[in-house]
Amino acid sequence: MDHLHRPDFQPVLRTLQQSFSGDRGVGRAFWQLGLLDKVMAHNFTPERLKGACALVRSYELAENYVMAAPDLHEAWSRSLEVLTATNDLLAWAAELNLIVSRSAKPEV
């Protein structure tokens, strides 16, 4: 979809891009380190989280999902769905000990 025809969606897309590709974005963990594949392959991963993996399989898929919204309100709603899926996946991966929280203190 041509983003130039949807200039009103640009704030939504900026927010989405920051969550994935920004300084603290999850893109590296999700795609470069294979976190989504590890979550998908885990026997205990619920189906709803496997669906979340599909939604954020790539930045382009997430962006296209948001851009397919009929209006700005729905675009923000879809963006929140993507961000919620992202947070749910990160929490689940931490629960499975696939990632370590930055706030976790090392054991002595």
PDB file of N, CA and C in Angstrom:
ATOM      1  N   MET A   1       0.859  -1.182   0.000  1.00  0.00           N
ATOM      2  CA  MET A   1       0.000   0.000   0.000  1.00  0.00           C
ATOM      3  C   MET A   1       0.895   1.231   0.000  1.00  0.00           C
ATOM      4  N   ASP A   2       0.521   2.191  -0.753  1.00  0.00           N
ATOM      5  CA  ASP A   2       1.300   3.415  -0.866  1.00  0.00           C
ATOM      6  C   ASP A   2       1.043   4.307   0.348  1.00  0.00           C
ATOM      7  N   HIS A   3       2.072   4.496   1.167  1.00  0.00           N
ATOM      8  CA  HIS A   3       1.926   5.274   2.395  1.00  0.00           C
ATOM      9  C   HIS A   3       1.717   6.761   2.123  1.00  0.00           C
ATOM     10  N   LEU A   4       2.064   7.217   0.950  1.00  0.00           N
ATOM     11  CA  LEU A   4       1.877   8.627   0.623  1.00  0.00           C
ATOM     12  C   LEU A   4       0.400   8.989   0.515  1.00  0.00           C
ATOM     13  N   HIS A   5      -0.430   8.003   0.226  1.00  0.00           N
ATOM     14  CA  HIS A   5      -1.865   8.268   0.125  1.00  0.00           C
ATOM     15  C   HIS A   5      -2.560   8.236   1.487  1.00  0.00           C
ATOM     16  N   ARG A   6      -1.833   7.937   2.539  1.00  0.00           N
ATOM     17  CA  ARG A   6      -2.406   7.881   3.880  1.00  0.00           C
ATOM     18  C   ARG A   6      -1.564   8.716   4.847  1.00  0.00           C
ATOM     19  N   PRO A   7      -1.370   9.997   4.567  1.00  0.00           N
ATOM     20  CA  PRO A   7      -0.519  10.809   5.450  1.00  0.00           C
ATOM     21  C   PRO A   7      -1.054  10.906   6.870  1.00  0.00           C
ATOM     22  N   ASP A   8      -2.369  10.753   7.044  1.00  0.00           N
ATOM     23  CA  ASP A   8      -2.943  10.815   8.388  1.00  0.00           C
ATOM     24  C   ASP A   8      -2.525   9.615   9.246  1.00  0.00           C
ATOM     25  N   PHE A   9      -2.022   8.560   8.610  1.00  0.00           N
ATOM     26  CA  PHE A   9      -1.577   7.373   9.340  1.00  0.00           C
ATOM     27  C   PHE A   9      -0.117   7.481   9.803  1.00  0.00           C
ATOM     28  N   GLN A  10       0.595   8.511   9.389  1.00  0.00           N
ATOM     29  CA  GLN A  10       2.024   8.608   9.695  1.00  0.00           C
ATOM     30  C   GLN A  10       2.344   8.573  11.192  1.00  0.00           C
ATOM     31  N   PRO A  11       1.595   9.252  12.073  1.00  0.00           N
ATOM     32  CA  PRO A  11       1.897   9.139  13.511  1.00  0.00           C
ATOM     33  C   PRO A  11       1.745   7.707  14.031  1.00  0.00           C
ATOM     34  N   VAL A  12       0.766   6.997  13.508  1.00  0.00           N
ATOM     35  CA  VAL A  12       0.556   5.606  13.911  1.00  0.00           C
ATOM     36  C   VAL A  12       1.752   4.766  13.475  1.00  0.00           C
ATOM     37  N   LEU A  13       2.172   4.959  12.249  1.00  0.00           N
ATOM     38  CA  LEU A  13       3.293   4.183  11.718  1.00  0.00           C
ATOM     39  C   LEU A  13       4.596   4.505  12.435  1.00  0.00           C
ATOM     40  N   ARG A  14       4.800   5.776  12.804  1.00  0.00           N
ATOM     41  CA  ARG A  14       6.005   6.142  13.562  1.00  0.00           C
ATOM     42  C   ARG A  14       6.043   5.427  14.906  1.00  0.00           C
ATOM     43  N   THR A  15       4.905   5.399  15.582  1.00  0.00           N
ATOM     44  CA  THR A  15       4.823   4.716  16.874  1.00  0.00           C
ATOM     45  C   THR A  15       5.105   3.228  16.711  1.00  0.00           C
ATOM     46  N   LEU A  16       4.521   2.640  15.705  1.00  0.00           N
ATOM     47  CA  LEU A  16       4.727   1.222  15.438  1.00  0.00           C
ATOM     48  C   LEU A  16       6.189   0.934  15.111  1.00  0.00           C
ATOM     49  N   GLN A  17       6.767   1.763  14.268  1.00  0.00           N
ATOM     50  CA  GLN A  17       8.168   1.545  13.879  1.00  0.00           C
ATOM     51  C   GLN A  17       9.102   1.676  15.078  1.00  0.00           C
ATOM     52  N   GLN A  18       8.853   2.634  15.953  1.00  0.00           N
ATOM     53  CA  GLN A  18       9.695   2.797  17.135  1.00  0.00           C
ATOM     54  C   GLN A  18       9.658   1.558  18.013  1.00  0.00           C
ATOM     55  N   SER A  19       8.503   0.944  18.123  1.00  0.00           N
ATOM     56  CA  SER A  19       8.398  -0.235  18.984  1.00  0.00           C
ATOM     57  C   SER A  19       9.181  -1.417  18.419  1.00  0.00           C
ATOM     58  N   PHE A  20       9.341  -1.460  17.112  1.00  0.00           N
ATOM     59  CA  PHE A  20      10.071  -2.556  16.488  1.00  0.00           C
ATOM     60  C   PHE A  20      11.516  -2.208  16.159  1.00  0.00           C
ATOM     61  N   SER A  21      11.728  -1.034  15.610  1.00  0.00           N
ATOM     62  CA  SER A  21      13.034  -0.686  15.076  1.00  0.00           C
ATOM     63  C   SER A  21      13.742   0.426  15.831  1.00  0.00           C
ATOM     64  N   GLY A  22      13.082   1.012  16.806  1.00  0.00           N
ATOM     65  CA  GLY A  22      13.684   2.106  17.561  1.00  0.00           C
ATOM     66  C   GLY A  22      14.818   1.624  18.451  1.00  0.00           C
ATOM     67  N   ASP A  23      15.364   2.545  19.216  1.00  0.00           N
ATOM     68  CA  ASP A  23      16.486   2.217  20.094  1.00  0.00           C
ATOM     69  C   ASP A  23      16.186   1.041  21.016  1.00  0.00           C
ATOM     70  N   ARG A  24      14.955   0.955  21.474  1.00  0.00           N
ATOM     71  CA  ARG A  24      14.569  -0.127  22.383  1.00  0.00           C
ATOM     72  C   ARG A  24      13.579  -1.070  21.709  1.00  0.00           C
ATOM     73  N   GLY A  25      13.610  -1.123  20.389  1.00  0.00           N
ATOM     74  CA  GLY A  25      12.677  -1.950  19.632  1.00  0.00           C
ATOM     75  C   GLY A  25      12.924  -3.438  19.811  1.00  0.00           C
ATOM     76  N   VAL A  26      11.905  -4.225  19.523  1.00  0.00           N
ATOM     77  CA  VAL A  26      11.984  -5.665  19.707  1.00  0.00           C
ATOM     78  C   VAL A  26      12.415  -6.406  18.445  1.00  0.00           C
ATOM     79  N   GLY A  27      12.619  -5.691  17.372  1.00  0.00           N
ATOM     80  CA  GLY A  27      12.947  -6.328  16.105  1.00  0.00           C
ATOM     81  C   GLY A  27      14.116  -7.283  16.168  1.00  0.00           C
ATOM     82  N   ARG A  28      15.165  -6.888  16.836  1.00  0.00           N
ATOM     83  CA  ARG A  28      16.353  -7.743  16.910  1.00  0.00           C
ATOM     84  C   ARG A  28      16.015  -9.068  17.587  1.00  0.00           C
ATOM     85  N   ALA A  29      15.345  -9.010  18.716  1.00  0.00           N
ATOM     86  CA  ALA A  29      14.981 -10.243  19.427  1.00  0.00           C
ATOM     87  C   ALA A  29      13.989 -11.068  18.617  1.00  0.00           C
ATOM     88  N   PHE A  30      13.010 -10.412  18.051  1.00  0.00           N
ATOM     89  CA  PHE A  30      11.978 -11.137  17.315  1.00  0.00           C
ATOM     90  C   PHE A  30      12.527 -11.816  16.069  1.00  0.00           C
ATOM     91  N   TRP A  31      13.315 -11.077  15.298  1.00  0.00           N
ATOM     92  CA  TRP A  31      13.698 -11.592  13.990  1.00  0.00           C
ATOM     93  C   TRP A  31      15.152 -12.039  13.920  1.00  0.00           C
ATOM     94  N   GLN A  32      16.079 -11.225  14.362  1.00  0.00           N
ATOM     95  CA  GLN A  32      17.492 -11.583  14.229  1.00  0.00           C
ATOM     96  C   GLN A  32      17.899 -12.712  15.170  1.00  0.00           C
ATOM     97  N   LEU A  33      17.318 -12.739  16.368  1.00  0.00           N
ATOM     98  CA  LEU A  33      17.676 -13.781  17.335  1.00  0.00           C
ATOM     99  C   LEU A  33      16.682 -14.950  17.337  1.00  0.00           C
ATOM    100  N   GLY A  34      15.678 -14.881  16.488  1.00  0.00           N
ATOM    101  CA  GLY A  34      14.750 -15.996  16.324  1.00  0.00           C
ATOM    102  C   GLY A  34      13.795 -16.236  17.477  1.00  0.00           C
ATOM    103  N   LEU A  35      13.476 -15.201  18.234  1.00  0.00           N
ATOM    104  CA  LEU A  35      12.593 -15.376  19.389  1.00  0.00           C
ATOM    105  C   LEU A  35      11.212 -15.880  18.989  1.00  0.00           C
ATOM    106  N   LEU A  36      10.672 -15.365  17.903  1.00  0.00           N
ATOM    107  CA  LEU A  36       9.344 -15.815  17.477  1.00  0.00           C
ATOM    108  C   LEU A  36       9.352 -17.301  17.145  1.00  0.00           C
ATOM    109  N   ASP A  37      10.400 -17.766  16.489  1.00  0.00           N
ATOM    110  CA  ASP A  37      10.490 -19.192  16.153  1.00  0.00           C
ATOM    111  C   ASP A  37      10.563 -20.043  17.416  1.00  0.00           C
ATOM    112  N   LYS A  38      11.293 -19.567  18.417  1.00  0.00           N
ATOM    113  CA  LYS A  38      11.409 -20.309  19.678  1.00  0.00           C
ATOM    114  C   LYS A  38      10.074 -20.365  20.408  1.00  0.00           C
ATOM    115  N   VAL A  39       9.356 -19.252  20.405  1.00  0.00           N
ATOM    116  CA  VAL A  39       8.042 -19.213  21.052  1.00  0.00           C
ATOM    117  C   VAL A  39       7.078 -20.139  20.321  1.00  0.00           C
ATOM    118  N   MET A  40       7.073 -20.075  18.992  1.00  0.00           N
ATOM    119  CA  MET A  40       6.173 -20.920  18.192  1.00  0.00           C
ATOM    120  C   MET A  40       6.461 -22.402  18.408  1.00  0.00           C
ATOM    121  N   ALA A  41       7.716 -22.758  18.547  1.00  0.00           N
ATOM    122  CA  ALA A  41       8.104 -24.163  18.667  1.00  0.00           C
ATOM    123  C   ALA A  41       7.887 -24.730  20.063  1.00  0.00           C
ATOM    124  N   HIS A  42       7.712 -23.874  21.046  1.00  0.00           N
ATOM    125  CA  HIS A  42       7.573 -24.359  22.423  1.00  0.00           C
ATOM    126  C   HIS A  42       6.231 -25.064  22.616  1.00  0.00           C
ATOM    127  N   ASN A  43       6.267 -26.230  23.246  1.00  0.00           N
ATOM    128  CA  ASN A  43       5.065 -27.052  23.434  1.00  0.00           C
ATOM    129  C   ASN A  43       3.971 -26.369  24.242  1.00  0.00           C
ATOM    130  N   PHE A  44       4.330 -25.474  25.152  1.00  0.00           N
ATOM    131  CA  PHE A  44       3.340 -24.852  26.028  1.00  0.00           C
ATOM    132  C   PHE A  44       2.765 -23.540  25.493  1.00  0.00           C
ATOM    133  N   THR A  45       3.219 -23.104  24.341  1.00  0.00           N
ATOM    134  CA  THR A  45       2.734 -21.832  23.803  1.00  0.00           C
ATOM    135  C   THR A  45       1.269 -21.949  23.385  1.00  0.00           C
ATOM    136  N   PRO A  46       0.399 -21.117  23.979  1.00  0.00           N
ATOM    137  CA  PRO A  46      -1.024 -21.156  23.619  1.00  0.00           C
ATOM    138  C   PRO A  46      -1.267 -20.679  22.182  1.00  0.00           C
ATOM    139  N   GLU A  47      -2.369 -21.128  21.622  1.00  0.00           N
ATOM    140  CA  GLU A  47      -2.706 -20.766  20.237  1.00  0.00           C
ATOM    141  C   GLU A  47      -2.822 -19.255  20.047  1.00  0.00           C
ATOM    142  N   ARG A  48      -3.372 -18.541  21.029  1.00  0.00           N
ATOM    143  CA  ARG A  48      -3.521 -17.093  20.872  1.00  0.00           C
ATOM    144  C   ARG A  48      -2.161 -16.420  20.721  1.00  0.00           C
ATOM    145  N   LEU A  49      -1.125 -16.964  21.374  1.00  0.00           N
ATOM    146  CA  LEU A  49       0.209 -16.387  21.233  1.00  0.00           C
ATOM    147  C   LEU A  49       0.862 -16.808  19.921  1.00  0.00           C
ATOM    148  N   LYS A  50       0.501 -17.956  19.421  1.00  0.00           N
ATOM    149  CA  LYS A  50       0.976 -18.338  18.083  1.00  0.00           C
ATOM    150  C   LYS A  50       0.373 -17.400  17.042  1.00  0.00           C
ATOM    151  N   GLY A  51      -0.887 -17.008  17.266  1.00  0.00           N
ATOM    152  CA  GLY A  51      -1.514 -16.015  16.396  1.00  0.00           C
ATOM    153  C   GLY A  51      -0.825 -14.669  16.496  1.00  0.00           C
ATOM    154  N   ALA A  52      -0.400 -14.319  17.705  1.00  0.00           N
ATOM    155  CA  ALA A  52       0.343 -13.071  17.895  1.00  0.00           C
ATOM    156  C   ALA A  52       1.663 -13.121  17.136  1.00  0.00           C
ATOM    157  N   CYS A  53       2.307 -14.279  17.136  1.00  0.00           N
ATOM    158  CA  CYS A  53       3.558 -14.428  16.379  1.00  0.00           C
ATOM    159  C   CYS A  53       3.328 -14.150  14.896  1.00  0.00           C
ATOM    160  N   ALA A  54       2.209 -14.634  14.387  1.00  0.00           N
ATOM    161  CA  ALA A  54       1.900 -14.411  12.974  1.00  0.00           C
ATOM    162  C   ALA A  54       1.694 -12.930  12.679  1.00  0.00           C
ATOM    163  N   LEU A  55       1.107 -12.216  13.626  1.00  0.00           N
ATOM    164  CA  LEU A  55       0.836 -10.789  13.433  1.00  0.00           C
ATOM    165  C   LEU A  55       2.125  -9.970  13.372  1.00  0.00           C
ATOM    166  N   VAL A  56       3.137 -10.381  14.109  1.00  0.00           N
ATOM    167  CA  VAL A  56       4.390  -9.614  14.154  1.00  0.00           C
ATOM    168  C   VAL A  56       5.552 -10.382  13.522  1.00  0.00           C
ATOM    169  N   ARG A  57       5.241 -11.304  12.627  1.00  0.00           N
ATOM    170  CA  ARG A  57       6.270 -12.104  11.957  1.00  0.00           C
ATOM    171  C   ARG A  57       7.320 -11.210  11.293  1.00  0.00           C
ATOM    172  N   SER A  58       6.884 -10.074  10.814  1.00  0.00           N
ATOM    173  CA  SER A  58       7.814  -9.088  10.251  1.00  0.00           C
ATOM    174  C   SER A  58       7.208  -7.706  10.468  1.00  0.00           C
ATOM    175  N   TYR A  59       8.053  -6.696  10.400  1.00  0.00           N
ATOM    176  CA  TYR A  59       7.541  -5.335  10.524  1.00  0.00           C
ATOM    177  C   TYR A  59       6.573  -5.036   9.386  1.00  0.00           C
ATOM    178  N   GLU A  60       6.875  -5.528   8.204  1.00  0.00           N
ATOM    179  CA  GLU A  60       6.036  -5.262   7.039  1.00  0.00           C
ATOM    180  C   GLU A  60       4.630  -5.820   7.234  1.00  0.00           C
ATOM    181  N   LEU A  61       4.518  -7.014   7.814  1.00  0.00           N
ATOM    182  CA  LEU A  61       3.185  -7.585   8.068  1.00  0.00           C
ATOM    183  C   LEU A  61       2.399  -6.737   9.062  1.00  0.00           C
ATOM    184  N   ALA A  62       3.054  -6.325  10.130  1.00  0.00           N
ATOM    185  CA  ALA A  62       2.391  -5.491  11.127  1.00  0.00           C
ATOM    186  C   ALA A  62       1.970  -4.157  10.510  1.00  0.00           C
ATOM    187  N   GLU A  63       2.862  -3.570   9.725  1.00  0.00           N
ATOM    188  CA  GLU A  63       2.551  -2.297   9.081  1.00  0.00           C
ATOM    189  C   GLU A  63       1.395  -2.444   8.099  1.00  0.00           C
ATOM    190  N   ASN A  64       1.405  -3.490   7.310  1.00  0.00           N
ATOM    191  CA  ASN A  64       0.321  -3.705   6.347  1.00  0.00           C
ATOM    192  C   ASN A  64      -1.019  -3.917   7.057  1.00  0.00           C
ATOM    193  N   TYR A  65      -0.991  -4.595   8.193  1.00  0.00           N
ATOM    194  CA  TYR A  65      -2.210  -4.800   8.974  1.00  0.00           C
ATOM    195  C   TYR A  65      -2.776  -3.453   9.419  1.00  0.00           C
ATOM    196  N   VAL A  66      -1.919  -2.573   9.887  1.00  0.00           N
ATOM    197  CA  VAL A  66      -2.360  -1.237  10.322  1.00  0.00           C
ATOM    198  C   VAL A  66      -2.827  -0.421   9.121  1.00  0.00           C
ATOM    199  N   MET A  67      -2.081  -0.465   8.037  1.00  0.00           N
ATOM    200  CA  MET A  67      -2.423   0.338   6.860  1.00  0.00           C
ATOM    201  C   MET A  67      -3.716  -0.107   6.180  1.00  0.00           C
ATOM    202  N   ALA A  68      -4.139  -1.335   6.431  1.00  0.00           N
ATOM    203  CA  ALA A  68      -5.387  -1.827   5.834  1.00  0.00           C
ATOM    204  C   ALA A  68      -6.619  -1.306   6.560  1.00  0.00           C
ATOM    205  N   ALA A  69      -6.416  -0.569   7.633  1.00  0.00           N
ATOM    206  CA  ALA A  69      -7.544  -0.005   8.382  1.00  0.00           C
ATOM    207  C   ALA A  69      -8.297   0.997   7.510  1.00  0.00           C
ATOM    208  N   PRO A  70      -9.611   1.047   7.676  1.00  0.00           N
ATOM    209  CA  PRO A  70     -10.404   1.968   6.853  1.00  0.00           C
ATOM    210  C   PRO A  70     -10.299   3.434   7.265  1.00  0.00           C
ATOM    211  N   ASP A  71      -9.873   3.684   8.523  1.00  0.00           N
ATOM    212  CA  ASP A  71      -9.787   5.064   8.980  1.00  0.00           C
ATOM    213  C   ASP A  71      -8.731   5.163  10.090  1.00  0.00           C
ATOM    214  N   LEU A  72      -8.453   6.367  10.506  1.00  0.00           N
ATOM    215  CA  LEU A  72      -7.401   6.615  11.488  1.00  0.00           C
ATOM    216  C   LEU A  72      -7.716   5.961  12.837  1.00  0.00           C
ATOM    217  N   HIS A  73      -8.956   6.032  13.261  1.00  0.00           N
ATOM    218  CA  HIS A  73      -9.344   5.411  14.534  1.00  0.00           C
ATOM    219  C   HIS A  73      -9.025   3.915  14.522  1.00  0.00           C
ATOM    220  N   GLU A  74      -9.408   3.245  13.454  1.00  0.00           N
ATOM    221  CA  GLU A  74      -9.145   1.805  13.337  1.00  0.00           C
ATOM    222  C   GLU A  74      -7.642   1.540  13.206  1.00  0.00           C
ATOM    223  N   ALA A  75      -6.910   2.439  12.561  1.00  0.00           N
ATOM    224  CA  ALA A  75      -5.456   2.268  12.455  1.00  0.00           C
ATOM    225  C   ALA A  75      -4.814   2.291  13.841  1.00  0.00           C
ATOM    226  N   TRP A  76      -5.237   3.242  14.694  1.00  0.00           N
ATOM    227  CA  TRP A  76      -4.714   3.280  16.065  1.00  0.00           C
ATOM    228  C   TRP A  76      -5.101   2.009  16.809  1.00  0.00           C
ATOM    229  N   SER A  77      -6.317   1.544  16.628  1.00  0.00           N
ATOM    230  CA  SER A  77      -6.772   0.326  17.290  1.00  0.00           C
ATOM    231  C   SER A  77      -5.931  -0.876  16.858  1.00  0.00           C
ATOM    232  N   ARG A  78      -5.672  -0.973  15.572  1.00  0.00           N
ATOM    233  CA  ARG A  78      -4.849  -2.075  15.069  1.00  0.00           C
ATOM    234  C   ARG A  78      -3.412  -1.962  15.567  1.00  0.00           C
ATOM    235  N   SER A  79      -2.922  -0.749  15.637  1.00  0.00           N
ATOM    236  CA  SER A  79      -1.573  -0.546  16.158  1.00  0.00           C
ATOM    237  C   SER A  79      -1.485  -1.010  17.613  1.00  0.00           C
ATOM    238  N   LEU A  80      -2.508  -0.713  18.393  1.00  0.00           N
ATOM    239  CA  LEU A  80      -2.544  -1.171  19.786  1.00  0.00           C
ATOM    240  C   LEU A  80      -2.620  -2.692  19.873  1.00  0.00           C
ATOM    241  N   GLU A  81      -3.327  -3.319  18.946  1.00  0.00           N
ATOM    242  CA  GLU A  81      -3.360  -4.786  18.894  1.00  0.00           C
ATOM    243  C   GLU A  81      -1.957  -5.343  18.668  1.00  0.00           C
ATOM    244  N   VAL A  82      -1.234  -4.732  17.742  1.00  0.00           N
ATOM    245  CA  VAL A  82       0.124  -5.181  17.443  1.00  0.00           C
ATOM    246  C   VAL A  82       1.028  -4.983  18.655  1.00  0.00           C
ATOM    247  N   LEU A  83       0.925  -3.830  19.296  1.00  0.00           N
ATOM    248  CA  LEU A  83       1.765  -3.553  20.457  1.00  0.00           C
ATOM    249  C   LEU A  83       1.408  -4.462  21.636  1.00  0.00           C
ATOM    250  N   THR A  84       0.135  -4.766  21.798  1.00  0.00           N
ATOM    251  CA  THR A  84      -0.286  -5.698  22.847  1.00  0.00           C
ATOM    252  C   THR A  84       0.244  -7.098  22.556  1.00  0.00           C
ATOM    253  N   ALA A  85       0.155  -7.517  21.308  1.00  0.00           N
ATOM    254  CA  ALA A  85       0.694  -8.822  20.923  1.00  0.00           C
ATOM    255  C   ALA A  85       2.194  -8.875  21.201  1.00  0.00           C
ATOM    256  N   THR A  86       2.879  -7.788  20.904  1.00  0.00           N
ATOM    257  CA  THR A  86       4.316  -7.707  21.154  1.00  0.00           C
ATOM    258  C   THR A  86       4.615  -7.869  22.641  1.00  0.00           C
ATOM    259  N   ASN A  87       3.905  -7.136  23.471  1.00  0.00           N
ATOM    260  CA  ASN A  87       4.126  -7.232  24.920  1.00  0.00           C
ATOM    261  C   ASN A  87       3.777  -8.617  25.452  1.00  0.00           C
ATOM    262  N   ASP A  88       2.693  -9.202  24.965  1.00  0.00           N
ATOM    263  CA  ASP A  88       2.313 -10.543  25.399  1.00  0.00           C
ATOM    264  C   ASP A  88       3.386 -11.566  25.033  1.00  0.00           C
ATOM    265  N   LEU A  89       3.935 -11.435  23.837  1.00  0.00           N
ATOM    266  CA  LEU A  89       4.982 -12.357  23.400  1.00  0.00           C
ATOM    267  C   LEU A  89       6.259 -12.197  24.223  1.00  0.00           C
ATOM    268  N   LEU A  90       6.616 -10.966  24.515  1.00  0.00           N
ATOM    269  CA  LEU A  90       7.802 -10.737  25.338  1.00  0.00           C
ATOM    270  C   LEU A  90       7.611 -11.308  26.742  1.00  0.00           C
ATOM    271  N   ALA A  91       6.430 -11.116  27.313  1.00  0.00           N
ATOM    272  CA  ALA A  91       6.151 -11.648  28.648  1.00  0.00           C
ATOM    273  C   ALA A  91       6.182 -13.179  28.640  1.00  0.00           C
ATOM    274  N   TRP A  92       5.609 -13.777  27.606  1.00  0.00           N
ATOM    275  CA  TRP A  92       5.596 -15.233  27.511  1.00  0.00           C
ATOM    276  C   TRP A  92       7.016 -15.768  27.326  1.00  0.00           C
ATOM    277  N   ALA A  93       7.792 -15.135  26.485  1.00  0.00           N
ATOM    278  CA  ALA A  93       9.172 -15.566  26.262  1.00  0.00           C
ATOM    279  C   ALA A  93       9.983 -15.466  27.551  1.00  0.00           C
ATOM    280  N   ALA A  94       9.746 -14.435  28.336  1.00  0.00           N
ATOM    281  CA  ALA A  94      10.432 -14.302  29.625  1.00  0.00           C
ATOM    282  C   ALA A  94       9.978 -15.408  30.568  1.00  0.00           C
ATOM    283  N   GLU A  95       8.686 -15.720  30.555  1.00  0.00           N
ATOM    284  CA  GLU A  95       8.149 -16.797  31.391  1.00  0.00           C
ATOM    285  C   GLU A  95       8.798 -18.137  31.036  1.00  0.00           C
ATOM    286  N   LEU A  96       9.074 -18.345  29.764  1.00  0.00           N
ATOM    287  CA  LEU A  96       9.707 -19.578  29.301  1.00  0.00           C
ATOM    288  C   LEU A  96      11.230 -19.546  29.453  1.00  0.00           C
ATOM    289  N   ASN A  97      11.747 -18.446  30.005  1.00  0.00           N
ATOM    290  CA  ASN A  97      13.197 -18.246  30.159  1.00  0.00           C
ATOM    291  C   ASN A  97      13.930 -18.209  28.817  1.00  0.00           C
ATOM    292  N   LEU A  98      13.234 -17.738  27.792  1.00  0.00           N
ATOM    293  CA  LEU A  98      13.866 -17.558  26.488  1.00  0.00           C
ATOM    294  C   LEU A  98      14.596 -16.229  26.409  1.00  0.00           C
ATOM    295  N   ILE A  99      14.205 -15.295  27.287  1.00  0.00           N
ATOM    296  CA  ILE A  99      14.884 -14.010  27.385  1.00  0.00           C
ATOM    297  C   ILE A  99      15.038 -13.676  28.864  1.00  0.00           C
ATOM    298  N   VAL A 100      15.958 -12.815  29.145  1.00  0.00           N
ATOM    299  CA  VAL A 100      16.179 -12.369  30.514  1.00  0.00           C
ATOM    300  C   VAL A 100      15.829 -10.893  30.572  1.00  0.00           C
ATOM    301  N   SER A 101      15.036 -10.526  31.532  1.00  0.00           N
ATOM    302  CA  SER A 101      14.639  -9.134  31.707  1.00  0.00           C
ATOM    303  C   SER A 101      15.860  -8.281  32.029  1.00  0.00           C
ATOM    304  N   ARG A 102      15.888  -7.071  31.490  1.00  0.00           N
ATOM    305  CA  ARG A 102      16.983  -6.135  31.815  1.00  0.00           C
ATOM    306  C   ARG A 102      16.965  -5.736  33.270  1.00  0.00           C
ATOM    307  N   SER A 103      15.802  -5.825  33.897  1.00  0.00           N
ATOM    308  CA  SER A 103      15.688  -5.416  35.294  1.00  0.00           C
ATOM    309  C   SER A 103      16.029  -6.557  36.245  1.00  0.00           C
ATOM    310  N   ALA A 104      16.220  -7.748  35.701  1.00  0.00           N
ATOM    311  CA  ALA A 104      16.542  -8.878  36.564  1.00  0.00           C
ATOM    312  C   ALA A 104      17.939  -8.710  37.144  1.00  0.00           C
ATOM    313  N   LYS A 105      18.064  -8.980  38.416  1.00  0.00           N
ATOM    314  CA  LYS A 105      19.360  -8.881  39.079  1.00  0.00           C
ATOM    315  C   LYS A 105      20.065 -10.222  38.991  1.00  0.00           C
ATOM    316  N   PRO A 106      21.328 -10.222  38.657  1.00  0.00           N
ATOM    317  CA  PRO A 106      22.048 -11.494  38.577  1.00  0.00           C
ATOM    318  C   PRO A 106      22.145 -12.141  39.940  1.00  0.00           C
ATOM    319  N   GLU A 107      22.030 -13.457  39.945  1.00  0.00           N
ATOM    320  CA  GLU A 107      22.166 -14.187  41.205  1.00  0.00           C
ATOM    321  C   GLU A 107      23.621 -14.252  41.615  1.00  0.00           C
ATOM    322  N   VAL A 108      23.865 -14.197  42.925  1.00  0.00           N
ATOM    323  CA  VAL A 108      25.231 -14.236  43.446  1.00  0.00           C
ATOM    324  C   VAL A 108      25.511 -15.615  43.960  1.00  0.00           C
TER     325      VAL A 108
END
